[in-house]
Amino acid sequence: MSRIKDAQWLGQHNDYLVDAGINHKLHPDVFERFKAMQQAAKRDGIDLQLVSSYRNFDRQLAIFNRKWRGEAPILDENSQPLVSSALSNTDKLHAILMWSALPGGSRHHWGTDFDVYDKSSVEQWGGHFNLVENEYEEGGPCYSLASWLEENMAIFGFFRPFSKHNGGVAREPWHLSHADTAIQFEDARNVTALENTLTQSDIEGKTTILSLLEVLYPRYVLNNGNDK
């Protein structure tokens, strides 16, 4: 793939993506590696399926705006719901960004990153699946999947970009990224293009976001958290 343009990493341009089935899309350099990993998991009794893959800017914008308006839950770092109306705009923004990326700042914009679950195990479990951490821990329906990924994902070129919470994005054991492809998008990111795009968007809380963007960008978009 040629040099990544701003419109591509920002989630505004996606004509390079391929159909991954059931309304999912992936980068063409990632699709075959995902299928190979999926088949290997199947041989080991794991039903590895996509929960979420490519999301464009507008889709991410809708997710963010619903949370800002209180139409979707905002969670704390322990996946417990917060009372949105009790939060200041700044606190609400940080709480949202722990779990949901800024539009334009999501790794899901690239087609290199996706969320997975063990479909058969979740169906047999019968609970309400929320894509939260305890579902991937011992006793949860996706624990075997999480353990299998820990042992095998690197063979296929995948890693967990949110393997720990360092003060930025929360730990997401379900989120995988294809390292060799994603690095092209990582290197293309820049705060100026993100600021220009958000300024022109219909994002809720725009004044708060833009006033804090120099802090938000390294903490959440680059996921440097509070470590740097």
C-alpha atoms as a PDB file:
ATOM      1  CA  MET A   1       0.000   0.000   0.000  1.00  0.00           C
ATOM      2  CA  SER A   2       1.289   3.493  -0.819  1.00  0.00           C
ATOM      3  CA  ARG A   3       1.881   6.210   1.772  1.00  0.00           C
ATOM      4  CA  ILE A   4      -1.031   6.547   4.178  1.00  0.00           C
ATOM      5  CA  LYS A   5      -2.998   9.744   3.651  1.00  0.00           C
ATOM      6  CA  ASP A   6      -4.672  11.683   6.448  1.00  0.00           C
ATOM      7  CA  ALA A   7      -8.132  10.762   5.170  1.00  0.00           C
ATOM      8  CA  GLN A   8      -7.235   7.069   5.539  1.00  0.00           C
ATOM      9  CA  TRP A   9      -6.013   7.020   9.134  1.00  0.00           C
ATOM     10  CA  LEU A  10      -8.809   9.421  10.091  1.00  0.00           C
ATOM     11  CA  GLY A  11     -11.424   6.938   8.849  1.00  0.00           C
ATOM     12  CA  GLN A  12     -12.727   9.078   5.999  1.00  0.00           C
ATOM     13  CA  HIS A  13     -11.487   6.962   3.095  1.00  0.00           C
ATOM     14  CA  ASN A  14     -11.866   3.182   2.871  1.00  0.00           C
ATOM     15  CA  ASP A  15     -11.889   1.959  -0.733  1.00  0.00           C
ATOM     16  CA  TYR A  16      -8.940  -0.381  -0.090  1.00  0.00           C
ATOM     17  CA  LEU A  17     -10.896  -2.584   2.357  1.00  0.00           C
ATOM     18  CA  VAL A  18     -12.145  -6.098   1.611  1.00  0.00           C
ATOM     19  CA  ASP A  19     -15.308  -7.880   2.713  1.00  0.00           C
ATOM     20  CA  ALA A  20     -14.673 -10.044   5.777  1.00  0.00           C
ATOM     21  CA  GLY A  21     -18.279 -11.311   6.006  1.00  0.00           C
ATOM     22  CA  ILE A  22     -21.327 -10.390   8.102  1.00  0.00           C
ATOM     23  CA  ASN A  23     -20.902  -6.638   7.552  1.00  0.00           C
ATOM     24  CA  HIS A  24     -17.234  -6.675   8.526  1.00  0.00           C
ATOM     25  CA  LYS A  25     -14.382  -5.153   6.534  1.00  0.00           C
ATOM     26  CA  LEU A  26     -10.625  -5.554   6.918  1.00  0.00           C
ATOM     27  CA  HIS A  27      -7.466  -4.289   5.276  1.00  0.00           C
ATOM     28  CA  PRO A  28      -6.517  -6.709   2.457  1.00  0.00           C
ATOM     29  CA  ASP A  29      -3.091  -7.355   4.005  1.00  0.00           C
ATOM     30  CA  VAL A  30      -4.792  -8.366   7.252  1.00  0.00           C
ATOM     31  CA  PHE A  31      -7.709 -10.453   5.999  1.00  0.00           C
ATOM     32  CA  GLU A  32      -5.734 -13.572   5.016  1.00  0.00           C
ATOM     33  CA  ARG A  33      -3.754 -13.533   8.257  1.00  0.00           C
ATOM     34  CA  PHE A  34      -6.988 -13.258  10.234  1.00  0.00           C
ATOM     35  CA  LYS A  35      -8.526 -16.182   8.330  1.00  0.00           C
ATOM     36  CA  ALA A  36      -5.440 -18.298   8.966  1.00  0.00           C
ATOM     37  CA  MET A  37      -5.582 -17.508  12.679  1.00  0.00           C
ATOM     38  CA  GLN A  38      -9.305 -18.220  12.750  1.00  0.00           C
ATOM     39  CA  GLN A  39      -8.783 -21.655  11.171  1.00  0.00           C
ATOM     40  CA  ALA A  40      -5.989 -22.492  13.614  1.00  0.00           C
ATOM     41  CA  ALA A  41      -8.228 -21.532  16.530  1.00  0.00           C
ATOM     42  CA  LYS A  42     -11.029 -23.667  15.122  1.00  0.00           C
ATOM     43  CA  ARG A  43      -8.733 -26.709  15.062  1.00  0.00           C
ATOM     44  CA  ASP A  44      -8.158 -26.115  18.767  1.00  0.00           C
ATOM     45  CA  GLY A  45     -11.872 -25.856  19.544  1.00  0.00           C
ATOM     46  CA  ILE A  46     -12.073 -22.048  19.644  1.00  0.00           C
ATOM     47  CA  ASP A  47     -14.791 -20.291  17.621  1.00  0.00           C
ATOM     48  CA  LEU A  48     -12.881 -17.044  16.963  1.00  0.00           C
ATOM     49  CA  GLN A  49     -15.238 -14.528  15.347  1.00  0.00           C
ATOM     50  CA  LEU A  50     -15.271 -10.792  14.723  1.00  0.00           C
ATOM     51  CA  VAL A  51     -17.324  -8.550  16.985  1.00  0.00           C
ATOM     52  CA  SER A  52     -16.203  -5.289  15.416  1.00  0.00           C
ATOM     53  CA  SER A  53     -13.744  -4.490  12.649  1.00  0.00           C
ATOM     54  CA  TYR A  54     -13.526  -1.388  10.461  1.00  0.00           C
ATOM     55  CA  ARG A  55     -15.500   1.643  11.657  1.00  0.00           C
ATOM     56  CA  ASN A  56     -15.456   4.868   9.695  1.00  0.00           C
ATOM     57  CA  PHE A  57     -15.278   8.384  11.132  1.00  0.00           C
ATOM     58  CA  ASP A  58     -19.033   8.913  11.066  1.00  0.00           C
ATOM     59  CA  ARG A  59     -19.712   5.665  12.919  1.00  0.00           C
ATOM     60  CA  GLN A  60     -17.182   6.563  15.601  1.00  0.00           C
ATOM     61  CA  LEU A  61     -18.702  10.038  15.795  1.00  0.00           C
ATOM     62  CA  ALA A  62     -22.151   8.565  16.439  1.00  0.00           C
ATOM     63  CA  ILE A  63     -20.782   6.354  19.236  1.00  0.00           C
ATOM     64  CA  PHE A  64     -19.010   9.266  20.882  1.00  0.00           C
ATOM     65  CA  ASN A  65     -21.970  11.640  20.618  1.00  0.00           C
ATOM     66  CA  ARG A  66     -24.382   9.105  22.116  1.00  0.00           C
ATOM     67  CA  LYS A  67     -22.141   8.715  25.132  1.00  0.00           C
ATOM     68  CA  TRP A  68     -21.680  12.458  25.523  1.00  0.00           C
ATOM     69  CA  ARG A  69     -25.446  13.005  25.444  1.00  0.00           C
ATOM     70  CA  GLY A  70     -26.051  10.256  27.998  1.00  0.00           C
ATOM     71  CA  GLU A  71     -27.816   7.987  25.492  1.00  0.00           C
ATOM     72  CA  ALA A  72     -25.252   5.201  25.982  1.00  0.00           C
ATOM     73  CA  PRO A  73     -23.495   4.160  29.210  1.00  0.00           C
ATOM     74  CA  ILE A  74     -20.138   5.579  30.269  1.00  0.00           C
ATOM     75  CA  LEU A  75     -18.018   3.139  32.284  1.00  0.00           C
ATOM     76  CA  ASP A  76     -15.230   3.553  34.815  1.00  0.00           C
ATOM     77  CA  GLU A  77     -11.972   1.610  34.604  1.00  0.00           C
ATOM     78  CA  ASN A  78     -13.655  -1.366  36.316  1.00  0.00           C
ATOM     79  CA  SER A  79     -16.421  -1.470  33.667  1.00  0.00           C
ATOM     80  CA  GLN A  80     -18.970  -0.057  36.115  1.00  0.00           C
ATOM     81  CA  PRO A  81     -21.464   2.593  34.915  1.00  0.00           C
ATOM     82  CA  LEU A  82     -20.953   6.227  35.838  1.00  0.00           C
ATOM     83  CA  VAL A  83     -23.655   8.865  36.298  1.00  0.00           C
ATOM     84  CA  SER A  84     -22.994  11.070  33.290  1.00  0.00           C
ATOM     85  CA  SER A  85     -24.947  14.034  34.617  1.00  0.00           C
ATOM     86  CA  ALA A  86     -22.758  14.120  37.731  1.00  0.00           C
ATOM     87  CA  LEU A  87     -19.538  14.553  35.744  1.00  0.00           C
ATOM     88  CA  SER A  88     -17.920  17.768  34.605  1.00  0.00           C
ATOM     89  CA  ASN A  89     -17.316  18.028  30.860  1.00  0.00           C
ATOM     90  CA  THR A  90     -13.625  17.316  31.371  1.00  0.00           C
ATOM     91  CA  ASP A  91     -14.248  14.271  33.579  1.00  0.00           C
ATOM     92  CA  LYS A  92     -16.898  12.985  31.200  1.00  0.00           C
ATOM     93  CA  LEU A  93     -14.512  13.321  28.265  1.00  0.00           C
ATOM     94  CA  HIS A  94     -11.759  11.348  30.002  1.00  0.00           C
ATOM     95  CA  ALA A  95     -14.243   8.661  31.038  1.00  0.00           C
ATOM     96  CA  ILE A  96     -15.513   8.263  27.468  1.00  0.00           C
ATOM     97  CA  LEU A  97     -12.020   8.124  25.978  1.00  0.00           C
ATOM     98  CA  MET A  98     -10.965   5.348  28.322  1.00  0.00           C
ATOM     99  CA  TRP A  99     -13.271   3.020  26.366  1.00  0.00           C
ATOM    100  CA  SER A 100     -14.245   4.823  23.132  1.00  0.00           C
ATOM    101  CA  ALA A 101     -11.808   6.623  20.852  1.00  0.00           C
ATOM    102  CA  LEU A 102     -12.173  10.113  19.501  1.00  0.00           C
ATOM    103  CA  PRO A 103     -13.558  10.079  15.961  1.00  0.00           C
ATOM    104  CA  GLY A 104     -10.476  10.203  13.768  1.00  0.00           C
ATOM    105  CA  GLY A 105      -8.358   8.744  16.562  1.00  0.00           C
ATOM    106  CA  SER A 106      -9.610   5.162  16.500  1.00  0.00           C
ATOM    107  CA  ARG A 107      -7.453   2.237  15.387  1.00  0.00           C
ATOM    108  CA  HIS A 108     -10.680   0.733  14.035  1.00  0.00           C
ATOM    109  CA  HIS A 109     -10.527   3.307  11.226  1.00  0.00           C
ATOM    110  CA  TRP A 110      -7.700   1.412   9.505  1.00  0.00           C
ATOM    111  CA  GLY A 111      -8.983  -2.105   8.867  1.00  0.00           C
ATOM    112  CA  THR A 112      -5.904  -3.428  10.682  1.00  0.00           C
ATOM    113  CA  ASP A 113      -7.592  -3.714  14.083  1.00  0.00           C
ATOM    114  CA  PHE A 114     -10.632  -5.651  15.235  1.00  0.00           C
ATOM    115  CA  ASP A 115     -12.406  -7.085  18.274  1.00  0.00           C
ATOM    116  CA  VAL A 116     -12.956 -10.837  18.661  1.00  0.00           C
ATOM    117  CA  TYR A 117     -14.943 -13.242  20.789  1.00  0.00           C
ATOM    118  CA  ASP A 118     -15.645 -16.976  21.043  1.00  0.00           C
ATOM    119  CA  LYS A 119     -19.094 -17.057  19.470  1.00  0.00           C
ATOM    120  CA  SER A 120     -19.994 -20.643  20.384  1.00  0.00           C
ATOM    121  CA  SER A 121     -18.822 -20.266  23.956  1.00  0.00           C
ATOM    122  CA  VAL A 122     -20.801 -17.043  24.422  1.00  0.00           C
ATOM    123  CA  GLU A 123     -23.940 -18.671  22.997  1.00  0.00           C
ATOM    124  CA  GLN A 124     -23.557 -21.669  25.319  1.00  0.00           C
ATOM    125  CA  TRP A 125     -22.925 -19.346  28.265  1.00  0.00           C
ATOM    126  CA  GLY A 126     -26.243 -17.618  27.678  1.00  0.00           C
ATOM    127  CA  GLY A 127     -25.486 -14.434  29.579  1.00  0.00           C
ATOM    128  CA  HIS A 128     -25.714 -10.864  28.301  1.00  0.00           C
ATOM    129  CA  PHE A 129     -22.442 -10.310  26.448  1.00  0.00           C
ATOM    130  CA  ASN A 130     -21.074  -6.783  26.967  1.00  0.00           C
ATOM    131  CA  LEU A 131     -17.485  -7.007  25.672  1.00  0.00           C
ATOM    132  CA  VAL A 132     -15.968  -6.280  29.079  1.00  0.00           C
ATOM    133  CA  GLU A 133     -12.804  -7.547  30.694  1.00  0.00           C
ATOM    134  CA  ASN A 134     -14.255 -10.145  33.080  1.00  0.00           C
ATOM    135  CA  GLU A 135     -15.746 -12.037  30.109  1.00  0.00           C
ATOM    136  CA  TYR A 136     -12.148 -12.729  29.002  1.00  0.00           C
ATOM    137  CA  GLU A 137     -10.882 -13.691  32.447  1.00  0.00           C
ATOM    138  CA  GLU A 138     -11.035 -17.068  34.206  1.00  0.00           C
ATOM    139  CA  GLY A 139     -14.664 -18.119  34.514  1.00  0.00           C
ATOM    140  CA  GLY A 140     -15.766 -15.937  31.610  1.00  0.00           C
ATOM    141  CA  PRO A 141     -17.047 -17.295  28.279  1.00  0.00           C
ATOM    142  CA  CYS A 142     -14.027 -15.992  26.338  1.00  0.00           C
ATOM    143  CA  TYR A 143     -11.294 -17.036  28.760  1.00  0.00           C
ATOM    144  CA  SER A 144     -10.170 -19.956  26.599  1.00  0.00           C
ATOM    145  CA  LEU A 145     -10.019 -17.646  23.599  1.00  0.00           C
ATOM    146  CA  ALA A 146      -7.986 -15.052  25.515  1.00  0.00           C
ATOM    147  CA  SER A 147      -5.551 -17.738  26.639  1.00  0.00           C
ATOM    148  CA  TRP A 148      -5.282 -19.157  23.123  1.00  0.00           C
ATOM    149  CA  LEU A 149      -4.554 -15.713  21.701  1.00  0.00           C
ATOM    150  CA  GLU A 150      -1.843 -15.122  24.275  1.00  0.00           C
ATOM    151  CA  GLU A 151      -0.099 -18.257  23.035  1.00  0.00           C
ATOM    152  CA  ASN A 152      -0.761 -17.982  19.313  1.00  0.00           C
ATOM    153  CA  MET A 153      -1.618 -14.493  18.021  1.00  0.00           C
ATOM    154  CA  ALA A 154       1.999 -13.460  17.409  1.00  0.00           C
ATOM    155  CA  ILE A 155       2.455 -16.417  15.046  1.00  0.00           C
ATOM    156  CA  PHE A 156       0.028 -14.681  12.684  1.00  0.00           C
ATOM    157  CA  GLY A 157       1.465 -11.202  13.227  1.00  0.00           C
ATOM    158  CA  PHE A 158      -1.108  -9.905  15.715  1.00  0.00           C
ATOM    159  CA  PHE A 159      -0.706  -8.177  19.072  1.00  0.00           C
ATOM    160  CA  ARG A 160      -2.895  -6.451  21.671  1.00  0.00           C
ATOM    161  CA  PRO A 161      -2.354  -2.678  21.497  1.00  0.00           C
ATOM    162  CA  PHE A 162      -4.321  -2.237  24.732  1.00  0.00           C
ATOM    163  CA  SER A 163      -2.811  -5.033  26.784  1.00  0.00           C
ATOM    164  CA  LYS A 164      -2.689  -2.927  29.932  1.00  0.00           C
ATOM    165  CA  HIS A 165      -4.220   0.261  31.291  1.00  0.00           C
ATOM    166  CA  ASN A 166      -1.514   2.875  31.832  1.00  0.00           C
ATOM    167  CA  GLY A 167      -3.799   5.849  32.281  1.00  0.00           C
ATOM    168  CA  GLY A 168      -4.943   6.006  28.665  1.00  0.00           C
ATOM    169  CA  VAL A 169      -7.202   3.472  26.974  1.00  0.00           C
ATOM    170  CA  ALA A 170      -8.563   0.721  29.224  1.00  0.00           C
ATOM    171  CA  ARG A 171      -7.261  -2.826  28.937  1.00  0.00           C
ATOM    172  CA  GLU A 172      -8.982  -4.588  26.012  1.00  0.00           C
ATOM    173  CA  PRO A 173      -8.060  -8.288  25.737  1.00  0.00           C
ATOM    174  CA  TRP A 174     -10.443  -8.624  22.768  1.00  0.00           C
ATOM    175  CA  HIS A 175      -8.749  -5.983  20.581  1.00  0.00           C
ATOM    176  CA  LEU A 176      -6.136  -7.255  18.130  1.00  0.00           C
ATOM    177  CA  SER A 177      -3.947  -5.394  15.655  1.00  0.00           C
ATOM    178  CA  HIS A 178      -1.814  -6.610  12.766  1.00  0.00           C
ATOM    179  CA  ALA A 179       1.568  -5.131  13.618  1.00  0.00           C
ATOM    180  CA  ASP A 180       3.215  -4.875  10.206  1.00  0.00           C
ATOM    181  CA  THR A 181       0.187  -3.207   8.613  1.00  0.00           C
ATOM    182  CA  ALA A 182      -0.912  -1.010  11.506  1.00  0.00           C
ATOM    183  CA  ILE A 183       2.498   0.612  11.873  1.00  0.00           C
ATOM    184  CA  GLN A 184       1.986   2.419   8.563  1.00  0.00           C
ATOM    185  CA  PHE A 185      -1.109   4.093   9.991  1.00  0.00           C
ATOM    186  CA  GLU A 186       0.508   4.715  13.372  1.00  0.00           C
ATOM    187  CA  ASP A 187       3.338   6.597  11.694  1.00  0.00           C
ATOM    188  CA  ALA A 188       0.922   8.719   9.632  1.00  0.00           C
ATOM    189  CA  ARG A 189      -1.017  10.076  12.609  1.00  0.00           C
ATOM    190  CA  ASN A 190      -0.610  13.730  13.510  1.00  0.00           C
ATOM    191  CA  VAL A 191      -2.461  16.023  15.867  1.00  0.00           C
ATOM    192  CA  THR A 192      -2.853  18.832  13.319  1.00  0.00           C
ATOM    193  CA  ALA A 193      -4.954  16.762  10.912  1.00  0.00           C
ATOM    194  CA  LEU A 194      -7.041  15.407  13.785  1.00  0.00           C
ATOM    195  CA  GLU A 195      -7.662  18.896  15.140  1.00  0.00           C
ATOM    196  CA  ASN A 196      -8.714  20.192  11.719  1.00  0.00           C
ATOM    197  CA  THR A 197     -11.093  17.273  11.209  1.00  0.00           C
ATOM    198  CA  LEU A 198     -12.705  17.573  14.644  1.00  0.00           C
ATOM    199  CA  THR A 199     -13.071  21.333  14.214  1.00  0.00           C
ATOM    200  CA  GLN A 200     -15.114  20.750  11.056  1.00  0.00           C
ATOM    201  CA  SER A 201     -17.181  17.920  12.578  1.00  0.00           C
ATOM    202  CA  ASP A 202     -20.463  17.862  14.514  1.00  0.00           C
ATOM    203  CA  ILE A 203     -18.892  16.301  17.590  1.00  0.00           C
ATOM    204  CA  GLU A 204     -20.484  16.987  20.960  1.00  0.00           C
ATOM    205  CA  GLY A 205     -18.284  18.704  23.541  1.00  0.00           C
ATOM    206  CA  LYS A 206     -16.165  20.237  20.795  1.00  0.00           C
ATOM    207  CA  THR A 207     -14.961  23.214  22.846  1.00  0.00           C
ATOM    208  CA  THR A 208     -13.764  20.959  25.664  1.00  0.00           C
ATOM    209  CA  ILE A 209     -12.120  18.514  23.270  1.00  0.00           C
ATOM    210  CA  LEU A 210     -10.211  21.122  21.294  1.00  0.00           C
ATOM    211  CA  SER A 211      -9.037  22.923  24.411  1.00  0.00           C
ATOM    212  CA  LEU A 212      -7.541  19.665  25.743  1.00  0.00           C
ATOM    213  CA  LEU A 213      -6.449  18.030  22.486  1.00  0.00           C
ATOM    214  CA  GLU A 214      -2.714  18.520  23.052  1.00  0.00           C
ATOM    215  CA  VAL A 215      -3.115  16.397  26.191  1.00  0.00           C
ATOM    216  CA  LEU A 216      -5.715  13.962  24.833  1.00  0.00           C
ATOM    217  CA  TYR A 217      -3.728  13.110  21.699  1.00  0.00           C
ATOM    218  CA  PRO A 218      -0.704  11.471  23.375  1.00  0.00           C
ATOM    219  CA  ARG A 219      -2.708  10.063  26.272  1.00  0.00           C
ATOM    220  CA  TYR A 220      -5.487   8.334  24.329  1.00  0.00           C
ATOM    221  CA  VAL A 221      -4.823   8.442  20.566  1.00  0.00           C
ATOM    222  CA  LEU A 222      -1.191   7.348  20.952  1.00  0.00           C
ATOM    223  CA  ASN A 223      -2.110   5.557  24.200  1.00  0.00           C
ATOM    224  CA  ASN A 224       0.924   6.830  26.041  1.00  0.00           C
ATOM    225  CA  GLY A 225      -1.335   7.272  29.060  1.00  0.00           C
ATOM    226  CA  ASN A 226       0.285   8.787  32.135  1.00  0.00           C
ATOM    227  CA  ASP A 227       3.552   6.945  31.622  1.00  0.00           C
ATOM    228  CA  LYS A 228       5.110   9.594  29.387  1.00  0.00           C
END
